[in-house]
Amino acid sequence: KAGDLVVDFLGEMYPPWAWQAKQDAIKTVQRIRGMRESGPPEFYNMQLERPPGDAEGFSILFVDAMHHNNYAARLSHSCDPNVEVSLKAIDGKYCINFYAKRDVAPGEELCYNYHSCTDSMKEVEAAFCLCGARRCRASYLAFV
């Protein structure tokens, strides 16, 4: 039903400096092993603004759902999603929840708007959206 909790998003949270250190460490190991330096796949990750009133102040949080996750990390993008993301800080802990935006039919795919953006038109053009929504933007990336 609209407004109902669908699923909690599970993952490891990092402040920007720790996220970048992790990415650098992964690329170093890839280089040492003779692998292409691409870092880990980013399709399980989320970047979120800290919620209003957070004691840590304003910044971005990186959430890595590659190893500690549930099916929420596998939800697809849609330009007309049926769930939305909510981030709250409760007693110093972050809760990422997906709530139904509207009633969801049994068997209907759960999807949300990734709200991803880039300053590269080449990336926007390569990020095909296949959601099939009437108002599909044709890319899951927005150009900023």
Protein backbone atom coordinates (compact mmCIF):
# COMPACT_ATOMS: atom_id res chain seq x y z
CA LYS A 1 0.00 0.00 0.00
CA ALA A 2 1.08 3.57 -0.57
CA GLY A 3 3.21 4.81 2.34
CA ASP A 4 4.07 1.33 3.64
CA LEU A 5 7.63 0.34 4.44
CA VAL A 6 8.83 -1.99 1.68
CA VAL A 7 12.39 -2.81 2.77
CA ASP A 8 15.37 -1.45 4.69
CA PHE A 9 18.51 -0.84 2.63
CA LEU A 10 21.51 -2.58 4.18
CA GLY A 11 25.13 -1.61 3.60
CA GLU A 12 28.29 -0.21 5.10
CA MET A 13 28.30 3.59 5.47
CA TYR A 14 31.36 5.72 4.82
CA PRO A 15 32.11 9.42 5.05
CA PRO A 16 33.67 10.76 1.83
CA TRP A 17 37.30 10.55 3.04
CA ALA A 18 36.94 6.88 4.08
CA TRP A 19 35.12 5.99 0.85
CA GLN A 20 37.92 7.50 -1.24
CA ALA A 21 40.57 5.69 0.85
CA LYS A 22 38.74 2.39 0.25
CA GLN A 23 38.54 3.05 -3.51
CA ASP A 24 42.26 3.91 -3.62
CA ALA A 25 43.16 0.72 -1.72
CA ILE A 26 41.11 -1.43 -4.12
CA LYS A 27 42.75 0.17 -7.15
CA THR A 28 46.21 -0.35 -5.62
CA VAL A 29 45.52 -4.07 -5.15
CA GLN A 30 44.19 -4.29 -8.72
CA ARG A 31 47.36 -2.63 -10.02
CA ILE A 32 49.63 -4.95 -7.98
CA ARG A 33 47.76 -7.99 -9.32
CA GLY A 34 48.00 -6.75 -12.90
CA MET A 35 44.28 -6.11 -13.16
CA ARG A 36 42.59 -3.16 -14.83
CA GLU A 37 42.26 -0.35 -12.27
CA SER A 38 38.51 0.09 -12.23
CA GLY A 39 37.69 -0.14 -8.54
CA PRO A 40 34.74 -2.22 -7.37
CA PRO A 41 31.45 -2.22 -9.28
CA GLU A 42 29.41 0.82 -8.33
CA PHE A 43 25.96 -0.52 -9.09
CA TYR A 44 25.38 -1.66 -5.49
CA ASN A 45 26.36 1.68 -3.99
CA MET A 46 24.39 4.73 -2.95
CA GLN A 47 25.36 8.30 -2.25
CA LEU A 48 23.02 10.20 0.03
CA GLU A 49 22.94 13.60 1.65
CA ARG A 50 22.93 13.42 5.43
CA PRO A 51 19.39 14.03 6.73
CA PRO A 52 18.37 17.47 8.05
CA GLY A 53 19.26 17.94 11.70
CA ASP A 54 22.05 15.33 11.61
CA ALA A 55 24.53 15.99 14.42
CA GLU A 56 27.37 15.37 11.94
CA GLY A 57 26.21 18.33 9.84
CA PHE A 58 25.74 18.46 6.08
CA SER A 59 27.75 16.20 3.79
CA ILE A 60 27.44 13.12 1.63
CA LEU A 61 27.39 9.54 2.86
CA PHE A 62 28.52 6.64 0.71
CA VAL A 63 26.71 3.35 1.26
CA ASP A 64 28.42 0.19 0.02
CA ALA A 65 25.98 -2.69 -0.31
CA MET A 66 28.38 -5.00 -2.13
CA HIS A 67 28.99 -7.45 0.74
CA HIS A 68 26.47 -6.65 3.48
CA ASN A 69 23.12 -6.26 1.79
CA ASN A 70 19.67 -7.54 1.01
CA TYR A 71 17.46 -7.37 -2.07
CA ALA A 72 17.05 -3.60 -1.70
CA ALA A 73 20.52 -3.21 -3.26
CA ARG A 74 19.20 -4.89 -6.42
CA LEU A 75 16.20 -2.65 -7.07
CA SER A 76 16.14 -1.19 -10.55
CA HIS A 77 15.77 2.41 -11.67
CA SER A 78 12.56 3.80 -13.10
CA CYS A 79 11.65 7.29 -14.24
CA ASP A 80 8.19 6.53 -12.76
CA PRO A 81 9.13 4.58 -9.61
CA ASN A 82 6.80 2.78 -7.21
CA VAL A 83 9.09 3.17 -4.16
CA GLU A 84 11.13 6.06 -2.75
CA VAL A 85 14.15 6.31 -0.48
CA SER A 86 14.09 7.83 2.99
CA LEU A 87 17.20 8.46 5.12
CA LYS A 88 16.81 9.25 8.81
CA ALA A 89 19.25 9.60 11.68
CA ILE A 90 17.82 7.95 14.80
CA ASP A 91 19.87 7.91 18.00
CA GLY A 92 23.06 8.45 15.99
CA LYS A 93 22.33 5.58 13.58
CA TYR A 94 21.27 5.95 9.99
CA CYS A 95 18.21 4.17 8.65
CA ILE A 96 17.72 3.91 4.89
CA ASN A 97 14.22 2.77 4.05
CA PHE A 98 12.23 2.24 0.88
CA TYR A 99 8.56 3.23 1.11
CA ALA A 100 5.81 2.56 -1.43
CA LYS A 101 4.91 5.72 -3.36
CA ARG A 102 1.68 4.12 -4.50
CA ASP A 103 -0.07 0.79 -4.19
CA VAL A 104 2.14 -1.94 -5.67
CA ALA A 105 0.50 -4.90 -7.39
CA PRO A 106 1.63 -8.44 -6.45
CA GLY A 107 4.49 -9.46 -8.76
CA GLU A 108 5.18 -5.86 -9.87
CA GLU A 109 8.88 -5.00 -10.01
CA LEU A 110 10.02 -2.70 -7.22
CA CYS A 111 11.98 0.26 -8.55
CA TYR A 112 13.08 3.74 -7.52
CA ASN A 113 14.54 6.80 -9.19
CA TYR A 114 18.32 6.64 -8.79
CA HIS A 115 18.59 10.45 -9.05
CA SER A 116 22.10 9.90 -10.39
CA CYS A 117 23.88 12.78 -12.06
CA THR A 118 27.09 13.54 -13.91
CA ASP A 119 28.83 16.43 -15.60
CA SER A 120 29.75 14.22 -18.57
CA MET A 121 27.34 14.21 -21.51
CA LYS A 122 29.16 11.10 -22.78
CA GLU A 123 28.18 9.24 -19.56
CA VAL A 124 24.56 10.45 -19.85
CA GLU A 125 24.33 9.19 -23.43
CA ALA A 126 25.81 5.79 -22.46
CA ALA A 127 23.50 5.32 -19.44
CA PHE A 128 20.45 3.98 -21.26
CA CYS A 129 17.26 3.78 -19.25
CA LEU A 130 15.12 0.76 -20.06
CA CYS A 131 12.30 1.42 -17.58
CA GLY A 132 9.59 1.77 -20.23
CA ALA A 133 7.73 4.49 -18.32
CA ARG A 134 5.57 6.87 -20.38
CA ARG A 135 7.75 9.78 -19.30
CA CYS A 136 11.09 7.95 -19.49
CA ARG A 137 14.07 10.34 -19.66
CA ALA A 138 16.01 7.78 -21.80
CA SER A 139 18.93 7.87 -19.32
CA TYR A 140 19.13 7.08 -15.63
CA LEU A 141 21.75 9.85 -15.33
CA ALA A 142 20.94 13.54 -15.27
CA PHE A 143 23.34 16.07 -16.79
CA VAL A 144 24.41 18.79 -14.35
